[in-house]
């Protein structure tokens, strides 16, 4: 399969662009697994099953940019909105154009997009060749999804090819108003004090209304990836937040439990 359309799960908050990722992988199951893992983190994902289709996607630009527009296939036309990729995950063994040649072409055109190369070949020589043709990182199959996501984050941070949420004067949801720059929250018109962790959790929830967050995702976002402790810490903070936000904490209207998945705001 040449194309998987961007996953709707990645469009949870239009004013925050986590990043657009192109996955170039001919093994459908691997591509789908990576896509779901990244979509779950908030990334916008497009997949290509061969090197030629991937190159079309990379070349695909808005004609109003004044640059050349490549639209040689119906598949490429489906991503006409594409404004450029923030990260490319590139398998080494691909039909039509292999990963090494595709990487060379991308770099030859002056494109500095971060590239994470995947391969079942794990020898030092293979890794060196991959890095020398322009890859920024190299991951050997089989790999863990947590490691892959962590490497993607690191590459995006390093290259600064993603847009962060602009500072907002306030976030508002029904009777709650949060002022990020002032670390201040109004609940039904009255100012309520929150601990730093409570404030960060509430800010995250209000930035992504109705998105479901698992305990593990909240721990990683708020406490950091190196946190060592019980995931029940999240439940304790949610309970404290409910006591400050809800009229009836035992029957919450704002912080809702989604059984088997996590928590949702709104």
Protein backbone atom coordinates (compact mmCIF):
# COMPACT_ATOMS: atom_id res chain seq x y z
CA UNK A 1 0.00 0.00 0.00
CA UNK A 2 1.51 3.31 -1.08
CA UNK A 3 -0.32 5.77 1.15
CA UNK A 4 -1.98 5.98 4.51
CA UNK A 5 -3.81 9.26 4.93
CA UNK A 6 -2.93 11.41 7.97
CA UNK A 7 -4.53 9.92 11.06
CA UNK A 8 -7.40 11.97 12.42
CA UNK A 9 -6.10 11.43 15.94
CA UNK A 10 -3.26 13.75 15.11
CA UNK A 11 -5.56 16.72 14.52
CA UNK A 12 -6.68 17.08 18.12
CA UNK A 13 -5.59 20.73 18.43
CA UNK A 14 -5.33 22.78 15.22
CA UNK A 15 -3.33 25.61 16.83
CA UNK A 16 -0.56 23.27 17.99
CA UNK A 17 1.60 21.56 15.44
CA UNK A 18 3.55 18.78 17.09
CA UNK A 19 5.12 17.88 13.77
CA UNK A 20 4.42 16.14 10.47
CA UNK A 21 6.18 12.81 10.06
CA UNK A 22 6.69 10.83 6.86
CA UNK A 23 7.14 7.09 7.42
CA UNK A 24 8.72 5.31 4.45
CA UNK A 25 8.32 1.59 5.09
CA UNK A 26 7.19 -1.18 2.76
CA UNK A 27 6.16 -3.59 5.54
CA UNK A 28 2.58 -2.50 6.19
CA UNK A 29 2.35 -3.83 9.74
CA UNK A 30 5.52 -2.05 10.83
CA UNK A 31 4.41 1.20 9.15
CA UNK A 32 1.00 1.04 10.79
CA UNK A 33 2.45 0.29 14.23
CA UNK A 34 4.86 3.23 14.02
CA UNK A 35 2.09 5.50 12.69
CA UNK A 36 -0.25 4.65 15.55
CA UNK A 37 2.48 5.18 18.15
CA UNK A 38 3.34 8.62 16.75
CA UNK A 39 -0.29 9.62 16.26
CA UNK A 40 -0.90 8.75 19.89
CA UNK A 41 1.80 11.29 20.78
CA UNK A 42 0.06 13.98 18.72
CA UNK A 43 2.07 13.88 15.51
CA UNK A 44 0.54 14.13 12.05
CA UNK A 45 1.52 11.02 10.12
CA UNK A 46 1.77 10.14 6.43
CA UNK A 47 3.16 6.82 5.21
CA UNK A 48 4.65 5.75 1.90
CA UNK A 49 5.28 2.14 0.91
CA UNK A 50 8.14 2.77 -1.53
CA UNK A 51 10.90 5.27 -2.22
CA UNK A 52 9.35 6.72 -5.37
CA UNK A 53 6.08 7.63 -3.65
CA UNK A 54 8.01 9.09 -0.72
CA UNK A 55 9.98 11.32 -3.09
CA UNK A 56 6.74 12.56 -4.63
CA UNK A 57 5.43 13.47 -1.19
CA UNK A 58 8.65 15.30 -0.33
CA UNK A 59 8.50 17.26 -3.59
CA UNK A 60 4.82 17.99 -3.21
CA UNK A 61 4.46 21.69 -2.44
CA UNK A 62 1.83 24.34 -2.75
CA UNK A 63 2.05 25.94 -6.20
CA UNK A 64 1.67 29.35 -4.59
CA UNK A 65 5.18 28.95 -3.17
CA UNK A 66 6.55 29.57 -6.64
CA UNK A 67 8.48 26.32 -6.53
CA UNK A 68 8.06 23.29 -8.73
CA UNK A 69 5.06 21.12 -7.98
CA UNK A 70 5.23 17.38 -8.59
CA UNK A 71 1.82 15.77 -9.01
CA UNK A 72 2.55 12.77 -11.14
CA UNK A 73 0.21 10.36 -9.37
CA UNK A 74 -3.23 10.41 -7.70
CA UNK A 75 -1.56 9.37 -4.45
CA UNK A 76 0.60 12.47 -4.46
CA UNK A 77 -2.42 14.68 -5.12
CA UNK A 78 -4.04 13.49 -1.89
CA UNK A 79 -1.35 15.30 0.08
CA UNK A 80 -1.51 18.55 -1.88
CA UNK A 81 -1.93 20.45 1.39
CA UNK A 82 1.52 19.23 2.46
CA UNK A 83 3.69 22.07 3.73
CA UNK A 84 6.84 20.06 4.35
CA UNK A 85 7.85 17.31 6.74
CA UNK A 86 9.42 17.81 10.15
CA UNK A 87 10.84 14.29 10.30
CA UNK A 88 11.32 11.32 7.96
CA UNK A 89 11.50 7.74 9.22
CA UNK A 90 13.17 5.87 6.41
CA UNK A 91 13.54 2.11 5.96
CA UNK A 92 16.72 0.97 4.23
CA UNK A 93 15.24 -1.73 1.97
CA UNK A 94 12.52 -0.22 -0.23
CA UNK A 95 11.03 -0.86 -3.69
CA UNK A 96 11.96 1.42 -6.63
CA UNK A 97 14.32 3.71 -4.69
CA UNK A 98 16.12 2.22 -1.69
CA UNK A 99 16.60 4.09 1.56
CA UNK A 100 20.25 5.00 0.99
CA UNK A 101 19.59 6.45 -2.47
CA UNK A 102 16.51 8.31 -1.24
CA UNK A 103 18.50 9.80 1.61
CA UNK A 104 21.20 10.92 -0.83
CA UNK A 105 18.59 12.55 -3.09
CA UNK A 106 16.99 14.40 -0.19
CA UNK A 107 20.32 15.79 0.97
CA UNK A 108 21.48 16.59 -2.58
CA UNK A 109 18.42 18.84 -2.94
CA UNK A 110 19.44 20.78 0.16
CA UNK A 111 16.65 19.44 2.33
CA UNK A 112 17.82 19.34 5.97
CA UNK A 113 14.77 17.53 7.37
CA UNK A 114 15.83 15.11 10.16
CA UNK A 115 16.01 11.50 8.94
CA UNK A 116 15.79 8.45 11.19
CA UNK A 117 16.93 5.40 9.23
CA UNK A 118 15.56 1.93 10.03
CA UNK A 119 17.23 -1.30 9.03
CA UNK A 120 17.48 -4.98 9.91
CA UNK A 121 21.21 -4.60 9.17
CA UNK A 122 22.87 -3.73 12.43
CA UNK A 123 26.57 -3.93 11.66
CA UNK A 124 28.80 -0.94 12.33
CA UNK A 125 29.51 -0.61 8.60
CA UNK A 126 25.80 -0.36 7.76
CA UNK A 127 25.25 2.26 10.44
CA UNK A 128 28.24 4.29 9.27
CA UNK A 129 27.09 4.18 5.64
CA UNK A 130 23.58 5.30 6.65
CA UNK A 131 24.93 8.23 8.64
CA UNK A 132 27.45 9.20 5.97
CA UNK A 133 24.78 9.52 3.25
CA UNK A 134 22.88 11.98 5.43
CA UNK A 135 20.80 10.16 8.04
CA UNK A 136 20.70 11.85 11.46
CA UNK A 137 20.08 8.68 13.45
CA UNK A 138 19.99 4.93 12.85
CA UNK A 139 17.77 2.35 14.55
CA UNK A 140 18.16 -1.39 14.08
CA UNK A 141 15.16 -3.70 13.76
CA UNK A 142 13.59 -5.03 15.89
CA UNK A 143 13.17 -1.98 18.11
CA UNK A 144 10.85 -0.83 20.89
CA UNK A 145 8.22 1.81 20.13
CA UNK A 146 9.17 3.83 23.20
CA UNK A 147 12.75 4.09 21.97
CA UNK A 148 11.62 5.08 18.49
CA UNK A 149 9.30 7.80 19.83
CA UNK A 150 12.06 9.08 22.12
CA UNK A 151 14.51 9.27 19.20
CA UNK A 152 11.92 11.13 17.12
CA UNK A 153 11.44 13.66 19.90
CA UNK A 154 15.18 14.13 20.26
CA UNK A 155 15.62 14.71 16.51
CA UNK A 156 12.79 17.25 16.43
CA UNK A 157 14.21 19.11 19.41
CA UNK A 158 17.69 19.08 17.92
CA UNK A 159 16.69 20.42 14.54
CA UNK A 160 13.92 22.79 15.65
CA UNK A 161 11.81 21.91 12.60
CA UNK A 162 8.52 21.94 14.48
CA UNK A 163 6.27 24.76 15.57
CA UNK A 164 5.46 25.07 19.22
CA UNK A 165 2.23 26.47 20.57
CA UNK A 166 2.41 30.26 20.63
CA UNK A 167 2.07 31.82 24.03
CA UNK A 168 -1.56 32.59 24.70
CA UNK A 169 -2.92 35.28 27.02
CA UNK A 170 -5.43 32.73 28.33
CA UNK A 171 -7.02 29.32 27.86
CA UNK A 172 -10.74 29.14 28.50
CA UNK A 173 -13.09 26.20 28.86
CA UNK A 174 -16.63 26.85 30.09
CA UNK A 175 -16.25 28.34 33.61
CA UNK A 176 -12.47 27.86 33.84
CA UNK A 177 -9.91 30.40 32.61
CA UNK A 178 -6.19 29.70 32.79
CA UNK A 179 -3.49 32.35 32.26
CA UNK A 180 -0.28 30.49 31.28
CA UNK A 181 2.08 33.45 31.60
CA UNK A 182 0.67 34.46 34.98
CA UNK A 183 0.30 30.93 36.43
CA UNK A 184 -3.19 31.92 37.47
CA UNK A 185 -6.55 30.12 37.22
CA UNK A 186 -10.08 31.43 37.63
CA UNK A 187 -12.80 28.89 38.41
CA UNK A 188 -16.32 30.30 38.09
CA UNK A 189 -14.87 33.80 38.42
CA UNK A 190 -12.81 33.13 41.55
CA UNK A 191 -9.06 32.67 41.67
CA UNK A 192 -7.97 29.21 42.83
CA UNK A 193 -4.46 28.22 43.86
CA UNK A 194 -2.84 25.20 42.22
CA UNK A 195 0.48 23.47 42.86
CA UNK A 196 2.99 23.60 39.96
CA UNK A 197 2.18 20.02 38.90
CA UNK A 198 -1.57 20.62 39.12
CA UNK A 199 -1.21 23.77 37.04
CA UNK A 200 0.81 21.96 34.35
CA UNK A 201 -1.70 19.10 34.18
CA UNK A 202 -4.61 21.52 33.87
CA UNK A 203 -2.79 23.56 31.21
CA UNK A 204 -2.13 20.39 29.20
CA UNK A 205 -5.76 19.27 29.48
CA UNK A 206 -7.10 22.70 28.47
CA UNK A 207 -4.72 22.83 25.50
CA UNK A 208 -6.18 19.54 24.23
CA UNK A 209 -9.86 19.53 25.23
CA UNK A 210 -11.55 16.12 24.90
CA UNK A 211 -8.31 14.31 24.14
CA UNK A 212 -7.83 11.17 26.23
CA UNK A 213 -4.51 10.94 28.09
CA UNK A 214 -3.21 7.72 29.64
CA UNK A 215 -1.38 7.75 32.98
CA UNK A 216 1.88 6.95 31.19
CA UNK A 217 1.47 9.87 28.78
CA UNK A 218 0.72 12.28 31.62
CA UNK A 219 3.71 11.04 33.61
CA UNK A 220 6.01 11.56 30.63
CA UNK A 221 4.62 15.01 29.76
CA UNK A 222 4.41 16.42 33.30
CA UNK A 223 6.96 14.49 35.38
CA UNK A 224 9.38 13.73 32.52
CA UNK A 225 10.63 10.51 30.87
CA UNK A 226 13.08 9.82 33.72
CA UNK A 227 10.40 9.75 36.42
CA UNK A 228 10.65 6.69 38.64
CA UNK A 229 7.58 6.11 40.73
CA UNK A 230 4.04 4.82 40.92
CA UNK A 231 1.62 5.75 38.12
CA UNK A 232 -0.99 6.20 40.86
CA UNK A 233 0.65 9.60 41.38
CA UNK A 234 -1.43 10.75 38.42
CA UNK A 235 -4.65 9.55 40.05
CA UNK A 236 -3.82 11.48 43.23
CA UNK A 237 -3.25 14.72 41.29
CA UNK A 238 -6.44 14.21 39.29
CA UNK A 239 -8.36 13.84 42.55
CA UNK A 240 -6.84 17.07 43.89
CA UNK A 241 -7.70 18.87 40.65
CA UNK A 242 -11.29 17.67 40.83
CA UNK A 243 -11.63 18.99 44.37
CA UNK A 244 -10.64 22.44 43.10
CA UNK A 245 -12.51 22.41 39.77
CA UNK A 246 -15.69 20.41 40.21
CA UNK A 247 -18.89 21.38 41.96
CA UNK A 248 -19.29 17.68 42.77
CA UNK A 249 -15.87 15.92 42.66
CA UNK A 250 -17.53 12.49 42.91
CA UNK A 251 -19.51 13.27 39.74
CA UNK A 252 -16.97 15.25 37.63
CA UNK A 253 -18.00 17.36 34.65
CA UNK A 254 -14.55 18.59 33.63
CA UNK A 255 -12.04 15.83 34.41
CA UNK A 256 -13.70 12.67 33.20
CA UNK A 257 -12.35 9.13 33.61
CA UNK A 258 -12.37 7.10 30.39
CA UNK A 259 -12.27 3.55 31.71
CA UNK A 260 -9.47 1.44 30.34
CA UNK A 261 -7.79 4.44 28.68
CA UNK A 262 -7.16 7.36 31.03
CA UNK A 263 -8.56 10.85 31.54
CA UNK A 264 -10.27 13.43 29.36
CA UNK A 265 -10.94 17.12 29.94
CA UNK A 266 -14.44 18.10 28.87
